[in-house]
Amino acid sequence: MSSKAARTERSDATREQILLAAERLFAEHGLYAVSNRQVSEAAGQGNNFAVGYHFGTKTDLIRAIFRRHDDRIDELRTALVAGTAGSDSVRDWVACLVRPVTEHLAELGSPSWYGRFGAQVTTDPALRALTTDEALSRPSIQRILDGLGRCLPELPDEVGRERSDLTRLMLVHMVAERERALAEGGELRRATWRDTADGLIDAIVGVWLAPVTRHR
């Protein structure tokens, strides 16, 4: 192996160690309670500037953690969407949103931190918007939104936006709670991630198909 290849390999390994350490610390303590110095130490880096050197700002680091997982989630989602094409079932399209996330968390095993990391990101409006915009840029997400749009009853704009927010909150926080329970040995509402997905899909479909109160 050439010296350049060896340096590249070491750099890639360092980046991976930093990503893993940052994801865990952010998940457990929050995004702003954790410093770059703490991430560097947890990643086994003697240089306190390692995070800045490899990732730039904290926002860049958070974006890198998100992308590290979302690439795999998008693979699962794209495959599921391909098998759902043409469906007129709200449940089928909601499943395309939910199952790729729960399947990825199942793949990670326990303990994992990505579910709780995602919940921490939602507490910051700017970061939430950043990750939401990146997710919406995925063709698979656009196909799901188009599929849902064809199946759902006509809703007032404000109701549609509200139910979209409810969908995001339910998905993000329910998987975070299950991940936390697995890590801490807490009570599990469902036995498996697949069962968790079933419950979430049921609930989200109910949200979208719920009646709309109209004031006279």
N, C-alpha and C. Protein backbone atom coordinates (compact mmCIF):
# COMPACT_ATOMS: atom_id res chain seq x y z
N MET A 1 0.84 -1.20 0.00
CA MET A 1 0.00 0.00 0.00
C MET A 1 0.88 1.25 0.00
N SER A 2 0.55 2.20 -0.87
CA SER A 2 1.33 3.43 -0.94
C SER A 2 1.07 4.27 0.30
N SER A 3 1.98 5.23 0.53
CA SER A 3 1.82 6.10 1.70
C SER A 3 0.55 6.94 1.57
N LYS A 4 0.21 7.36 0.34
CA LYS A 4 -1.01 8.15 0.13
C LYS A 4 -2.24 7.33 0.45
N ALA A 5 -2.25 6.07 0.00
CA ALA A 5 -3.40 5.19 0.28
C ALA A 5 -3.52 4.93 1.77
N ALA A 6 -2.37 4.77 2.44
CA ALA A 6 -2.39 4.53 3.88
C ALA A 6 -2.95 5.74 4.63
N ARG A 7 -2.57 6.94 4.19
CA ARG A 7 -3.09 8.16 4.83
C ARG A 7 -4.60 8.28 4.61
N THR A 8 -5.03 7.94 3.40
CA THR A 8 -6.47 8.00 3.10
C THR A 8 -7.23 7.01 3.96
N GLU A 9 -6.68 5.83 4.13
CA GLU A 9 -7.34 4.81 4.95
C GLU A 9 -7.41 5.25 6.40
N ARG A 10 -6.34 5.84 6.92
CA ARG A 10 -6.35 6.34 8.30
C ARG A 10 -7.36 7.47 8.46
N SER A 11 -7.42 8.35 7.46
CA SER A 11 -8.36 9.46 7.52
C SER A 11 -9.80 8.96 7.52
N ASP A 12 -10.08 7.97 6.66
CA ASP A 12 -11.43 7.40 6.61
C ASP A 12 -11.80 6.75 7.94
N ALA A 13 -10.84 6.05 8.54
CA ALA A 13 -11.10 5.40 9.83
C ALA A 13 -11.36 6.43 10.91
N THR A 14 -10.60 7.52 10.89
CA THR A 14 -10.80 8.59 11.87
C THR A 14 -12.17 9.24 11.71
N ARG A 15 -12.56 9.50 10.48
CA ARG A 15 -13.87 10.09 10.22
C ARG A 15 -14.98 9.18 10.76
N GLU A 16 -14.83 7.89 10.54
CA GLU A 16 -15.85 6.95 11.02
C GLU A 16 -15.92 6.93 12.54
N GLN A 17 -14.76 6.95 13.20
CA GLN A 17 -14.74 6.99 14.66
C GLN A 17 -15.41 8.26 15.19
N ILE A 18 -15.17 9.37 14.52
CA ILE A 18 -15.77 10.64 14.94
C ILE A 18 -17.28 10.60 14.75
N LEU A 19 -17.73 10.09 13.61
CA LEU A 19 -19.17 10.00 13.35
C LEU A 19 -19.88 9.15 14.39
N LEU A 20 -19.30 8.00 14.72
CA LEU A 20 -19.91 7.11 15.70
C LEU A 20 -19.96 7.76 17.08
N ALA A 21 -18.85 8.39 17.47
CA ALA A 21 -18.81 9.03 18.79
C ALA A 21 -19.78 10.19 18.86
N ALA A 22 -19.82 11.01 17.82
CA ALA A 22 -20.71 12.17 17.82
C ALA A 22 -22.17 11.74 17.85
N GLU A 23 -22.51 10.75 17.07
CA GLU A 23 -23.90 10.28 17.05
C GLU A 23 -24.34 9.82 18.43
N ARG A 24 -23.49 9.06 19.11
CA ARG A 24 -23.84 8.57 20.45
C ARG A 24 -23.97 9.72 21.44
N LEU A 25 -23.01 10.61 21.43
CA LEU A 25 -23.05 11.72 22.39
C LEU A 25 -24.23 12.66 22.13
N PHE A 26 -24.48 12.98 20.87
CA PHE A 26 -25.61 13.84 20.54
C PHE A 26 -26.93 13.17 20.94
N ALA A 27 -27.04 11.87 20.70
CA ALA A 27 -28.26 11.15 21.03
C ALA A 27 -28.52 11.15 22.53
N GLU A 28 -27.47 10.98 23.31
CA GLU A 28 -27.63 10.82 24.76
C GLU A 28 -27.70 12.15 25.50
N HIS A 29 -27.05 13.19 24.97
CA HIS A 29 -26.91 14.44 25.73
C HIS A 29 -27.48 15.68 25.03
N GLY A 30 -27.84 15.56 23.75
CA GLY A 30 -28.33 16.72 23.02
C GLY A 30 -27.25 17.33 22.15
N LEU A 31 -27.67 18.10 21.17
CA LEU A 31 -26.74 18.63 20.18
C LEU A 31 -25.83 19.72 20.73
N TYR A 32 -26.34 20.51 21.66
CA TYR A 32 -25.59 21.68 22.11
C TYR A 32 -24.94 21.49 23.47
N ALA A 33 -25.19 20.36 24.08
CA ALA A 33 -24.51 20.06 25.34
C ALA A 33 -23.17 19.36 25.10
N VAL A 34 -22.87 19.05 23.85
CA VAL A 34 -21.67 18.29 23.50
C VAL A 34 -20.74 19.17 22.68
N SER A 35 -19.50 19.27 23.10
CA SER A 35 -18.51 20.08 22.39
C SER A 35 -17.71 19.23 21.41
N ASN A 36 -17.05 19.90 20.47
CA ASN A 36 -16.16 19.19 19.55
C ASN A 36 -15.03 18.50 20.32
N ARG A 37 -14.58 19.11 21.41
CA ARG A 37 -13.52 18.50 22.23
C ARG A 37 -14.00 17.17 22.80
N GLN A 38 -15.24 17.14 23.30
CA GLN A 38 -15.77 15.90 23.85
C GLN A 38 -15.91 14.83 22.78
N VAL A 39 -16.33 15.22 21.58
CA VAL A 39 -16.44 14.26 20.48
C VAL A 39 -15.07 13.71 20.13
N SER A 40 -14.07 14.58 20.05
CA SER A 40 -12.71 14.13 19.72
C SER A 40 -12.19 13.15 20.75
N GLU A 41 -12.42 13.46 22.04
CA GLU A 41 -11.96 12.57 23.11
C GLU A 41 -12.66 11.22 23.04
N ALA A 42 -13.99 11.24 22.81
CA ALA A 42 -14.75 9.99 22.75
C ALA A 42 -14.34 9.15 21.54
N ALA A 43 -13.87 9.83 20.49
CA ALA A 43 -13.43 9.12 19.29
C ALA A 43 -11.98 8.66 19.40
N GLY A 44 -11.34 8.92 20.55
CA GLY A 44 -9.96 8.50 20.75
C GLY A 44 -8.94 9.33 20.02
N GLN A 45 -9.30 10.61 19.75
CA GLN A 45 -8.41 11.50 19.02
C GLN A 45 -7.70 12.44 19.99
N GLY A 46 -6.39 12.42 19.98
CA GLY A 46 -5.63 13.30 20.86
C GLY A 46 -5.72 14.75 20.44
N ASN A 47 -5.98 14.98 19.16
CA ASN A 47 -6.08 16.34 18.64
C ASN A 47 -7.50 16.85 18.84
N ASN A 48 -7.66 17.90 19.64
CA ASN A 48 -8.99 18.44 19.91
C ASN A 48 -9.62 19.14 18.71
N PHE A 49 -8.83 19.35 17.66
CA PHE A 49 -9.34 20.01 16.47
C PHE A 49 -9.70 18.99 15.38
N ALA A 50 -9.74 17.70 15.75
CA ALA A 50 -9.99 16.65 14.75
C ALA A 50 -11.36 16.80 14.10
N VAL A 51 -12.37 17.16 14.89
CA VAL A 51 -13.72 17.29 14.34
C VAL A 51 -13.76 18.39 13.28
N GLY A 52 -13.20 19.55 13.63
CA GLY A 52 -13.18 20.65 12.68
C GLY A 52 -12.37 20.33 11.43
N TYR A 53 -11.26 19.63 11.61
CA TYR A 53 -10.41 19.28 10.48
C TYR A 53 -11.15 18.37 9.50
N HIS A 54 -11.85 17.36 10.01
CA HIS A 54 -12.48 16.37 9.15
C HIS A 54 -13.88 16.78 8.67
N PHE A 55 -14.59 17.62 9.44
CA PHE A 55 -15.99 17.91 9.10
C PHE A 55 -16.32 19.39 8.99
N GLY A 56 -15.52 20.26 9.52
CA GLY A 56 -15.85 21.67 9.48
C GLY A 56 -16.67 22.07 10.70
N THR A 57 -17.86 22.57 10.49
CA THR A 57 -18.70 23.04 11.58
C THR A 57 -19.49 21.89 12.20
N LYS A 58 -20.11 22.18 13.34
CA LYS A 58 -20.97 21.18 13.98
C LYS A 58 -22.16 20.83 13.06
N THR A 59 -22.67 21.83 12.36
CA THR A 59 -23.76 21.56 11.42
C THR A 59 -23.32 20.59 10.33
N ASP A 60 -22.10 20.76 9.85
CA ASP A 60 -21.57 19.84 8.84
C ASP A 60 -21.46 18.43 9.41
N LEU A 61 -21.05 18.33 10.65
CA LEU A 61 -20.94 17.02 11.30
C LEU A 61 -22.32 16.38 11.43
N ILE A 62 -23.30 17.14 11.86
CA ILE A 62 -24.67 16.62 12.01
C ILE A 62 -25.22 16.18 10.65
N ARG A 63 -24.94 16.96 9.62
CA ARG A 63 -25.39 16.59 8.27
C ARG A 63 -24.73 15.28 7.83
N ALA A 64 -23.46 15.10 8.16
CA ALA A 64 -22.75 13.87 7.78
C ALA A 64 -23.33 12.65 8.49
N ILE A 65 -23.70 12.80 9.76
CA ILE A 65 -24.33 11.69 10.48
C ILE A 65 -25.66 11.34 9.83
N PHE A 66 -26.45 12.36 9.51
CA PHE A 66 -27.74 12.14 8.86
C PHE A 66 -27.56 11.39 7.54
N ARG A 67 -26.64 11.86 6.71
CA ARG A 67 -26.44 11.25 5.40
C ARG A 67 -25.93 9.82 5.52
N ARG A 68 -25.12 9.58 6.54
CA ARG A 68 -24.55 8.24 6.74
C ARG A 68 -25.66 7.20 6.88
N HIS A 69 -26.75 7.57 7.51
CA HIS A 69 -27.87 6.65 7.68
C HIS A 69 -28.90 6.78 6.56
N ASP A 70 -29.14 8.00 6.10
CA ASP A 70 -30.21 8.20 5.14
C ASP A 70 -29.91 7.55 3.80
N ASP A 71 -28.65 7.40 3.46
CA ASP A 71 -28.32 6.69 2.22
C ASP A 71 -28.85 5.26 2.26
N ARG A 72 -28.65 4.58 3.38
CA ARG A 72 -29.14 3.21 3.50
C ARG A 72 -30.67 3.18 3.58
N ILE A 73 -31.25 4.10 4.34
CA ILE A 73 -32.71 4.17 4.43
C ILE A 73 -33.31 4.39 3.05
N ASP A 74 -32.67 5.23 2.26
CA ASP A 74 -33.20 5.51 0.92
C ASP A 74 -33.12 4.28 0.02
N GLU A 75 -32.09 3.45 0.20
CA GLU A 75 -32.03 2.19 -0.56
C GLU A 75 -33.25 1.32 -0.25
N LEU A 76 -33.54 1.18 1.04
CA LEU A 76 -34.68 0.37 1.45
C LEU A 76 -35.99 0.99 0.95
N ARG A 77 -36.07 2.30 1.06
CA ARG A 77 -37.29 3.01 0.66
C ARG A 77 -37.52 2.90 -0.85
N THR A 78 -36.46 3.05 -1.63
CA THR A 78 -36.58 2.98 -3.09
C THR A 78 -37.09 1.62 -3.53
N ALA A 79 -36.57 0.56 -2.89
CA ALA A 79 -37.04 -0.79 -3.23
C ALA A 79 -38.51 -0.97 -2.87
N LEU A 80 -38.91 -0.46 -1.72
CA LEU A 80 -40.29 -0.60 -1.28
C LEU A 80 -41.23 0.21 -2.17
N VAL A 81 -40.81 1.40 -2.55
CA VAL A 81 -41.63 2.24 -3.43
C VAL A 81 -41.83 1.56 -4.78
N ALA A 82 -40.78 0.92 -5.30
CA ALA A 82 -40.89 0.25 -6.59
C ALA A 82 -41.97 -0.82 -6.56
N GLY A 83 -42.10 -1.52 -5.41
CA GLY A 83 -43.12 -2.56 -5.30
C GLY A 83 -44.50 -2.02 -4.99
N THR A 84 -44.59 -0.72 -4.69
CA THR A 84 -45.86 -0.11 -4.31
C THR A 84 -46.45 0.71 -5.45
N ALA A 85 -45.70 0.90 -6.52
CA ALA A 85 -46.12 1.74 -7.63
C ALA A 85 -47.52 1.34 -8.11
N GLY A 86 -48.37 2.36 -8.27
CA GLY A 86 -49.71 2.12 -8.76
C GLY A 86 -50.73 1.82 -7.68
N SER A 87 -50.29 1.65 -6.43
CA SER A 87 -51.23 1.34 -5.36
C SER A 87 -52.13 2.54 -5.08
N ASP A 88 -53.39 2.24 -4.74
CA ASP A 88 -54.32 3.30 -4.33
C ASP A 88 -54.65 3.17 -2.84
N SER A 89 -53.74 2.54 -2.09
CA SER A 89 -53.93 2.33 -0.65
C SER A 89 -53.07 3.31 0.16
N VAL A 90 -53.73 4.09 1.00
CA VAL A 90 -52.99 4.99 1.89
C VAL A 90 -52.00 4.20 2.74
N ARG A 91 -52.44 3.05 3.22
CA ARG A 91 -51.58 2.24 4.09
C ARG A 91 -50.29 1.82 3.37
N ASP A 92 -50.39 1.46 2.10
CA ASP A 92 -49.20 1.06 1.36
C ASP A 92 -48.18 2.19 1.30
N TRP A 93 -48.65 3.41 1.06
CA TRP A 93 -47.72 4.54 0.92
C TRP A 93 -47.17 4.97 2.28
N VAL A 94 -47.98 4.89 3.32
CA VAL A 94 -47.47 5.19 4.66
C VAL A 94 -46.41 4.16 5.04
N ALA A 95 -46.62 2.91 4.68
CA ALA A 95 -45.63 1.87 4.97
C ALA A 95 -44.29 2.19 4.31
N CYS A 96 -44.34 2.82 3.13
CA CYS A 96 -43.10 3.20 2.45
C CYS A 96 -42.32 4.25 3.24
N LEU A 97 -43.02 5.05 4.03
CA LEU A 97 -42.35 6.02 4.89
C LEU A 97 -41.77 5.37 6.14
N VAL A 98 -42.53 4.45 6.72
CA VAL A 98 -42.20 3.93 8.05
C VAL A 98 -41.21 2.76 8.00
N ARG A 99 -41.48 1.78 7.17
CA ARG A 99 -40.70 0.53 7.24
C ARG A 99 -39.22 0.69 6.93
N PRO A 100 -38.80 1.54 5.99
CA PRO A 100 -37.36 1.68 5.77
C PRO A 100 -36.62 2.17 7.03
N VAL A 101 -37.26 3.04 7.81
CA VAL A 101 -36.62 3.53 9.03
C VAL A 101 -36.52 2.42 10.07
N THR A 102 -37.60 1.70 10.31
CA THR A 102 -37.56 0.65 11.33
C THR A 102 -36.68 -0.52 10.89
N GLU A 103 -36.66 -0.82 9.59
CA GLU A 103 -35.79 -1.90 9.11
C GLU A 103 -34.32 -1.52 9.29
N HIS A 104 -34.00 -0.27 9.03
CA HIS A 104 -32.61 0.17 9.21
C HIS A 104 -32.21 0.10 10.68
N LEU A 105 -33.08 0.53 11.57
CA LEU A 105 -32.77 0.45 13.00
C LEU A 105 -32.64 -1.00 13.46
N ALA A 106 -33.43 -1.87 12.89
CA ALA A 106 -33.29 -3.30 13.21
C ALA A 106 -31.93 -3.82 12.74
N GLU A 107 -31.49 -3.36 11.57
CA GLU A 107 -30.18 -3.77 11.05
C GLU A 107 -29.04 -3.33 11.96
N LEU A 108 -29.19 -2.15 12.56
CA LEU A 108 -28.13 -1.61 13.41
C LEU A 108 -27.94 -2.43 14.69
N GLY A 109 -28.99 -3.10 15.12
CA GLY A 109 -28.91 -3.85 16.38
C GLY A 109 -29.00 -2.92 17.57
N SER A 110 -28.70 -3.46 18.74
CA SER A 110 -28.81 -2.66 19.97
C SER A 110 -27.52 -2.82 20.79
N PRO A 111 -26.98 -1.73 21.32
CA PRO A 111 -27.55 -0.38 21.29
C PRO A 111 -27.30 0.32 19.96
N SER A 112 -28.24 1.16 19.59
CA SER A 112 -28.07 2.07 18.47
C SER A 112 -28.44 3.46 18.97
N TRP A 113 -28.11 4.46 18.18
CA TRP A 113 -28.32 5.85 18.62
C TRP A 113 -29.01 6.72 17.59
N TYR A 114 -29.21 6.20 16.38
CA TYR A 114 -29.72 7.06 15.32
C TYR A 114 -31.15 7.54 15.58
N GLY A 115 -31.99 6.71 16.16
CA GLY A 115 -33.36 7.13 16.46
C GLY A 115 -33.37 8.32 17.41
N ARG A 116 -32.57 8.23 18.47
CA ARG A 116 -32.51 9.32 19.45
C ARG A 116 -31.79 10.55 18.87
N PHE A 117 -30.80 10.32 18.04
CA PHE A 117 -30.15 11.44 17.35
C PHE A 117 -31.18 12.21 16.52
N GLY A 118 -32.03 11.48 15.78
CA GLY A 118 -33.05 12.14 14.98
C GLY A 118 -34.00 12.96 15.81
N ALA A 119 -34.37 12.45 16.99
CA ALA A 119 -35.26 13.20 17.87
C ALA A 119 -34.59 14.47 18.38
N GLN A 120 -33.28 14.41 18.64
CA GLN A 120 -32.56 15.61 19.07
C GLN A 120 -32.52 16.66 17.96
N VAL A 121 -32.36 16.22 16.73
CA VAL A 121 -32.31 17.15 15.60
C VAL A 121 -33.62 17.91 15.47
N THR A 122 -34.74 17.25 15.75
CA THR A 122 -36.04 17.91 15.58
C THR A 122 -36.24 19.04 16.57
N THR A 123 -35.44 19.12 17.62
CA THR A 123 -35.61 20.19 18.61
C THR A 123 -35.03 21.52 18.12
N ASP A 124 -34.25 21.49 17.05
CA ASP A 124 -33.65 22.71 16.51
C ASP A 124 -34.31 23.02 15.16
N PRO A 125 -35.04 24.14 15.05
CA PRO A 125 -35.77 24.43 13.81
C PRO A 125 -34.89 24.48 12.57
N ALA A 126 -33.70 25.06 12.69
CA ALA A 126 -32.83 25.19 11.52
C ALA A 126 -32.32 23.82 11.06
N LEU A 127 -31.90 22.99 12.02
CA LEU A 127 -31.40 21.67 11.67
C LEU A 127 -32.53 20.77 11.17
N ARG A 128 -33.70 20.93 11.78
CA ARG A 128 -34.86 20.15 11.32
C ARG A 128 -35.17 20.50 9.87
N ALA A 129 -35.14 21.78 9.55
CA ALA A 129 -35.41 22.20 8.18
C ALA A 129 -34.34 21.67 7.22
N LEU A 130 -33.08 21.69 7.67
CA LEU A 130 -31.98 21.21 6.84
C LEU A 130 -32.16 19.74 6.48
N THR A 131 -32.41 18.91 7.50
CA THR A 131 -32.54 17.47 7.24
C THR A 131 -33.84 17.16 6.49
N THR A 132 -34.90 17.93 6.76
CA THR A 132 -36.15 17.72 6.04
C THR A 132 -35.98 18.05 4.56
N ASP A 133 -35.29 19.16 4.27
CA ASP A 133 -35.06 19.53 2.87
C ASP A 133 -34.23 18.47 2.15
N GLU A 134 -33.22 17.92 2.85
CA GLU A 134 -32.40 16.89 2.22
C GLU A 134 -33.23 15.65 1.94
N ALA A 135 -34.09 15.27 2.89
CA ALA A 135 -34.94 14.10 2.69
C ALA A 135 -35.90 14.32 1.53
N LEU A 136 -36.48 15.52 1.46
CA LEU A 136 -37.44 15.82 0.40
C LEU A 136 -36.80 15.84 -0.99
N SER A 137 -35.48 15.99 -1.03
CA SER A 137 -34.80 15.98 -2.32
C SER A 137 -34.66 14.57 -2.90
N ARG A 138 -34.95 13.57 -2.09
CA ARG A 138 -34.84 12.19 -2.56
C ARG A 138 -36.03 11.85 -3.47
N PRO A 139 -35.79 11.29 -4.66
CA PRO A 139 -36.89 10.91 -5.54
C PRO A 139 -37.88 9.92 -4.88
N SER A 140 -37.37 9.06 -4.02
CA SER A 140 -38.26 8.09 -3.37
C SER A 140 -39.30 8.79 -2.50
N ILE A 141 -38.88 9.84 -1.81
CA ILE A 141 -39.83 10.59 -0.98
C ILE A 141 -40.86 11.30 -1.85
N GLN A 142 -40.43 11.87 -2.95
CA GLN A 142 -41.37 12.53 -3.84
C GLN A 142 -42.40 11.56 -4.40
N ARG A 143 -41.97 10.34 -4.69
CA ARG A 143 -42.92 9.34 -5.20
C ARG A 143 -43.92 8.95 -4.12
N ILE A 144 -43.48 8.88 -2.88
CA ILE A 144 -44.40 8.57 -1.79
C ILE A 144 -45.42 9.69 -1.62
N LEU A 145 -44.95 10.93 -1.64
CA LEU A 145 -45.86 12.06 -1.49
C LEU A 145 -46.87 12.10 -2.64
N ASP A 146 -46.41 11.79 -3.85
CA ASP A 146 -47.32 11.75 -4.99
C ASP A 146 -48.35 10.63 -4.81
N GLY A 147 -47.88 9.47 -4.35
CA GLY A 147 -48.79 8.35 -4.13
C GLY A 147 -49.83 8.64 -3.08
N LEU A 148 -49.38 9.23 -1.98
CA LEU A 148 -50.32 9.61 -0.93
C LEU A 148 -51.33 10.63 -1.44
N GLY A 149 -50.84 11.59 -2.21
CA GLY A 149 -51.72 12.63 -2.73
C GLY A 149 -52.84 12.07 -3.59
N ARG A 150 -52.55 11.00 -4.31
CA ARG A 150 -53.58 10.39 -5.15
C ARG A 150 -54.64 9.64 -4.34
N CYS A 151 -54.24 9.16 -3.15
CA CYS A 151 -55.11 8.29 -2.37
C CYS A 151 -55.92 9.01 -1.31
N LEU A 152 -55.42 10.13 -0.83
CA LEU A 152 -56.05 10.79 0.31
C LEU A 152 -57.28 11.58 -0.13
N PRO A 153 -58.24 11.68 0.78
CA PRO A 153 -59.37 12.58 0.50
C PRO A 153 -58.87 14.01 0.46
N GLU A 154 -59.64 14.88 -0.18
CA GLU A 154 -59.25 16.28 -0.26
C GLU A 154 -59.28 16.90 1.13
N LEU A 155 -58.18 17.55 1.51
CA LEU A 155 -58.06 18.17 2.83
C LEU A 155 -57.74 19.64 2.68
N PRO A 156 -58.24 20.48 3.59
CA PRO A 156 -57.80 21.88 3.59
C PRO A 156 -56.28 21.94 3.75
N ASP A 157 -55.66 22.94 3.16
CA ASP A 157 -54.19 23.05 3.18
C ASP A 157 -53.64 23.01 4.60
N GLU A 158 -54.27 23.74 5.52
CA GLU A 158 -53.74 23.79 6.88
C GLU A 158 -53.86 22.44 7.57
N VAL A 159 -54.90 21.68 7.23
CA VAL A 159 -55.06 20.34 7.82
C VAL A 159 -54.01 19.40 7.26
N GLY A 160 -53.75 19.49 5.96
CA GLY A 160 -52.72 18.65 5.36
C GLY A 160 -51.35 18.92 5.97
N ARG A 161 -51.02 20.20 6.18
CA ARG A 161 -49.73 20.53 6.79
C ARG A 161 -49.66 20.02 8.23
N GLU A 162 -50.77 20.18 8.95
CA GLU A 162 -50.80 19.71 10.34
C GLU A 162 -50.61 18.20 10.42
N ARG A 163 -51.25 17.47 9.52
CA ARG A 163 -51.14 16.00 9.56
C ARG A 163 -49.77 15.54 9.08
N SER A 164 -49.16 16.31 8.22
CA SER A 164 -47.77 16.01 7.84
C SER A 164 -46.85 16.17 9.04
N ASP A 165 -47.05 17.24 9.82
CA ASP A 165 -46.26 17.45 11.03
C ASP A 165 -46.48 16.31 12.03
N LEU A 166 -47.73 15.90 12.20
CA LEU A 166 -48.03 14.80 13.12
C LEU A 166 -47.34 13.51 12.67
N THR A 167 -47.35 13.26 11.37
CA THR A 167 -46.68 12.06 10.85
C THR A 167 -45.20 12.07 11.20
N ARG A 168 -44.55 13.21 10.95
CA ARG A 168 -43.12 13.31 11.25
C ARG A 168 -42.84 13.12 12.73
N LEU A 169 -43.62 13.77 13.57
CA LEU A 169 -43.40 13.68 15.01
C LEU A 169 -43.62 12.26 15.52
N MET A 170 -44.66 11.61 15.05
CA MET A 170 -44.93 10.24 15.49
C MET A 170 -43.80 9.31 15.09
N LEU A 171 -43.37 9.41 13.84
CA LEU A 171 -42.32 8.52 13.37
C LEU A 171 -41.01 8.77 14.11
N VAL A 172 -40.61 10.03 14.20
CA VAL A 172 -39.32 10.35 14.83
C VAL A 172 -39.31 9.96 16.30
N HIS A 173 -40.32 10.34 17.04
CA HIS A 173 -40.27 10.16 18.49
C HIS A 173 -40.64 8.75 18.94
N MET A 174 -41.46 8.05 18.21
CA MET A 174 -41.78 6.68 18.61
C MET A 174 -40.59 5.74 18.39
N VAL A 175 -39.85 5.93 17.27
CA VAL A 175 -38.67 5.08 17.09
C VAL A 175 -37.59 5.44 18.10
N ALA A 176 -37.50 6.73 18.46
CA ALA A 176 -36.52 7.14 19.47
C ALA A 176 -36.85 6.52 20.83
N GLU A 177 -38.13 6.49 21.18
CA GLU A 177 -38.53 5.91 22.46
C GLU A 177 -38.25 4.41 22.50
N ARG A 178 -38.50 3.72 21.40
CA ARG A 178 -38.20 2.29 21.38
C ARG A 178 -36.69 2.04 21.48
N GLU A 179 -35.93 2.83 20.75
CA GLU A 179 -34.47 2.69 20.79
C GLU A 179 -33.96 2.92 22.21
N ARG A 180 -34.50 3.93 22.88
CA ARG A 180 -34.10 4.22 24.26
C ARG A 180 -34.45 3.05 25.19
N ALA A 181 -35.65 2.52 25.03
CA ALA A 181 -36.07 1.40 25.87
C ALA A 181 -35.17 0.19 25.65
N LEU A 182 -34.80 -0.07 24.41
CA LEU A 182 -33.89 -1.19 24.13
C LEU A 182 -32.53 -0.98 24.79
N ALA A 183 -32.02 0.24 24.70
CA ALA A 183 -30.69 0.54 25.25
C ALA A 183 -30.68 0.49 26.76
N GLU A 184 -31.79 0.90 27.39
CA GLU A 184 -31.84 1.02 28.85
C GLU A 184 -32.57 -0.13 29.52
N GLY A 185 -33.02 -1.10 28.75
CA GLY A 185 -33.74 -2.22 29.34
C GLY A 185 -35.12 -1.84 29.84
N GLY A 186 -35.73 -0.84 29.20
CA GLY A 186 -37.06 -0.38 29.61
C GLY A 186 -38.17 -1.22 29.02
N GLU A 187 -39.40 -0.84 29.33
CA GLU A 187 -40.57 -1.57 28.84
C GLU A 187 -40.76 -1.31 27.35
N LEU A 188 -40.98 -2.37 26.59
CA LEU A 188 -41.20 -2.27 25.16
C LEU A 188 -42.68 -2.37 24.85
N ARG A 189 -43.19 -1.44 24.06
CA ARG A 189 -44.58 -1.49 23.65
C ARG A 189 -44.84 -2.60 22.64
N ARG A 190 -43.85 -2.88 21.82
CA ARG A 190 -43.95 -3.91 20.78
C ARG A 190 -42.71 -4.79 20.83
N ALA A 191 -42.87 -6.05 20.45
CA ALA A 191 -41.78 -7.02 20.62
C ALA A 191 -40.63 -6.79 19.64
N THR A 192 -40.94 -6.37 18.42
CA THR A 192 -39.91 -6.24 17.39
C THR A 192 -40.06 -4.91 16.67
N TRP A 193 -39.03 -4.56 15.90
CA TRP A 193 -39.12 -3.36 15.08
C TRP A 193 -40.21 -3.51 14.03
N ARG A 194 -40.42 -4.70 13.52
CA ARG A 194 -41.49 -4.92 12.53
C ARG A 194 -42.85 -4.64 13.17
N ASP A 195 -43.03 -5.14 14.39
CA ASP A 195 -44.29 -4.87 15.09
C ASP A 195 -44.45 -3.38 15.37
N THR A 196 -43.35 -2.73 15.71
CA THR A 196 -43.38 -1.28 15.93
C THR A 196 -43.84 -0.56 14.67
N ALA A 197 -43.33 -1.00 13.52
CA ALA A 197 -43.75 -0.40 12.26
C ALA A 197 -45.24 -0.61 12.03
N ASP A 198 -45.75 -1.79 12.33
CA ASP A 198 -47.18 -2.06 12.15
C ASP A 198 -48.02 -1.06 12.95
N GLY A 199 -47.63 -0.86 14.22
CA GLY A 199 -48.37 0.06 15.07
C GLY A 199 -48.30 1.50 14.57
N LEU A 200 -47.12 1.91 14.13
CA LEU A 200 -46.96 3.26 13.61
C LEU A 200 -47.78 3.47 12.33
N ILE A 201 -47.75 2.49 11.46
CA ILE A 201 -48.51 2.61 10.22
C ILE A 201 -50.00 2.71 10.52
N ASP A 202 -50.48 1.88 11.43
CA ASP A 202 -51.90 1.96 11.82
C ASP A 202 -52.24 3.38 12.29
N ALA A 203 -51.40 3.92 13.18
CA ALA A 203 -51.68 5.22 13.77
C ALA A 203 -51.60 6.34 12.74
N ILE A 204 -50.60 6.29 11.87
CA ILE A 204 -50.43 7.36 10.89
C ILE A 204 -51.55 7.33 9.85
N VAL A 205 -51.95 6.13 9.44
CA VAL A 205 -53.10 6.03 8.52
C VAL A 205 -54.33 6.64 9.18
N GLY A 206 -54.51 6.35 10.47
CA GLY A 206 -55.64 6.92 11.19
C GLY A 206 -55.61 8.44 11.22
N VAL A 207 -54.41 9.01 11.37
CA VAL A 207 -54.27 10.47 11.35
C VAL A 207 -54.71 11.04 10.01
N TRP A 208 -54.24 10.44 8.94
CA TRP A 208 -54.53 10.98 7.61
C TRP A 208 -55.99 10.82 7.21
N LEU A 209 -56.63 9.77 7.69
CA LEU A 209 -58.01 9.51 7.29
C LEU A 209 -59.03 9.97 8.34
N ALA A 210 -58.54 10.62 9.39
CA ALA A 210 -59.46 11.11 10.43
C ALA A 210 -60.39 12.17 9.84
N PRO A 211 -61.62 12.26 10.38
CA PRO A 211 -62.54 13.32 9.92
C PRO A 211 -61.99 14.70 10.25
N VAL A 212 -62.44 15.69 9.51
CA VAL A 212 -62.02 17.07 9.71
C VAL A 212 -63.17 17.85 10.32
N THR A 213 -62.92 18.49 11.44
CA THR A 213 -63.94 19.33 12.07
C THR A 213 -64.08 20.62 11.26
N ARG A 214 -65.30 20.91 10.85
CA ARG A 214 -65.54 22.12 10.07
C ARG A 214 -66.52 23.00 10.84
N HIS A 215 -66.13 24.22 11.12
CA HIS A 215 -66.98 25.15 11.85
C HIS A 215 -67.90 25.90 10.89
N ARG A 216 -69.14 26.00 11.28
CA ARG A 216 -70.12 26.69 10.45
C ARG A 216 -70.10 28.18 10.75
